[in-house]
Amino acid sequence: MVTPELAREYARRGVGLLDPDAAVAALLHEIAAGDEPQVVFAGSVADPTGGTGADGADGTGGPEAAGTTP
């Protein structure tokens, strides 16, 4: 949960909030699934300040930058 002020700030930035019940259910589902490794690819927009993300968060890094190489 976040304060109403923080929720408004997140909304202004286009950041959605997780439904607490759905988040708990998803976590319990992941825990019950076991420890089979999975690879997750995610994308992000470039850093508007011109910075670079060491983990590939600046939008230029691939799986290697995110530490997901085999």
Protein backbone atom coordinates (compact mmCIF):
# COMPACT_ATOMS: atom_id res chain seq x y z
CA MET A 1 0.00 0.00 0.00
CA VAL A 2 1.07 3.54 -0.64
CA THR A 3 -0.20 6.88 0.58
CA PRO A 4 -2.74 8.71 -1.60
CA GLU A 5 -0.07 11.31 -2.37
CA LEU A 6 2.39 8.66 -3.58
CA ALA A 7 -0.36 6.94 -5.59
CA ARG A 8 -1.06 10.24 -7.37
CA GLU A 9 2.65 10.72 -8.09
CA TYR A 10 2.93 7.20 -9.50
CA ALA A 11 -0.15 7.84 -11.66
CA ARG A 12 1.36 11.11 -12.90
CA ARG A 13 4.46 9.17 -13.99
CA GLY A 14 2.42 6.39 -15.58
CA VAL A 15 3.38 3.80 -12.95
CA GLY A 16 0.57 1.41 -12.10
CA LEU A 17 0.01 -0.07 -8.67
CA LEU A 18 -0.37 -3.76 -7.93
CA ASP A 19 -3.60 -5.03 -6.46
CA PRO A 20 -2.52 -6.43 -3.05
CA ASP A 21 -4.65 -9.60 -3.31
CA ALA A 22 -3.47 -10.31 -6.86
CA ALA A 23 0.16 -9.68 -5.86
CA VAL A 24 -0.07 -12.11 -2.94
CA ALA A 25 -1.71 -14.73 -5.15
CA ALA A 26 1.03 -14.32 -7.79
CA LEU A 27 3.77 -14.63 -5.17
CA LEU A 28 2.23 -17.79 -3.70
CA HIS A 29 1.86 -19.23 -7.20
CA GLU A 30 5.55 -18.58 -7.93
CA ILE A 31 6.63 -20.14 -4.63
CA ALA A 32 4.47 -23.22 -5.26
CA ALA A 33 5.90 -23.60 -8.79
CA GLY A 34 9.23 -24.82 -7.42
CA ASP A 35 12.72 -23.73 -8.26
CA GLU A 36 12.83 -24.47 -11.99
CA PRO A 37 14.91 -21.60 -13.44
CA GLN A 38 13.21 -19.24 -15.88
CA VAL A 39 14.56 -16.55 -18.15
CA VAL A 40 12.56 -13.33 -18.25
CA PHE A 41 13.21 -10.70 -20.89
CA ALA A 42 12.02 -7.18 -20.16
CA GLY A 43 12.39 -3.90 -21.96
CA SER A 44 12.56 -0.33 -20.81
CA VAL A 45 12.85 3.10 -22.31
CA ALA A 46 16.13 4.93 -22.55
CA ASP A 47 17.16 7.07 -19.60
CA PRO A 48 15.91 10.60 -20.40
CA THR A 49 18.87 12.08 -18.52
CA GLY A 50 21.30 10.47 -20.95
CA GLY A 51 22.75 8.15 -18.33
CA THR A 52 23.57 4.55 -18.97
CA GLY A 53 22.41 1.67 -16.86
CA ALA A 54 25.06 -0.85 -15.92
CA ASP A 55 22.37 -3.54 -15.96
CA GLY A 56 21.05 -2.58 -19.38
CA ALA A 57 18.28 -0.42 -17.93
CA ASP A 58 19.14 2.37 -20.36
CA GLY A 59 17.47 0.43 -23.16
CA THR A 60 20.73 -0.54 -24.88
CA GLY A 61 21.59 -3.65 -22.93
CA GLY A 62 20.52 -7.09 -23.95
CA PRO A 63 20.33 -10.23 -21.85
CA GLU A 64 24.07 -10.08 -21.27
CA ALA A 65 23.77 -6.64 -19.69
CA ALA A 66 20.96 -7.83 -17.44
CA GLY A 67 23.00 -10.77 -16.17
CA THR A 68 20.87 -13.47 -17.79
CA THR A 69 23.45 -15.14 -19.98
CA PRO A 70 23.66 -18.93 -19.61
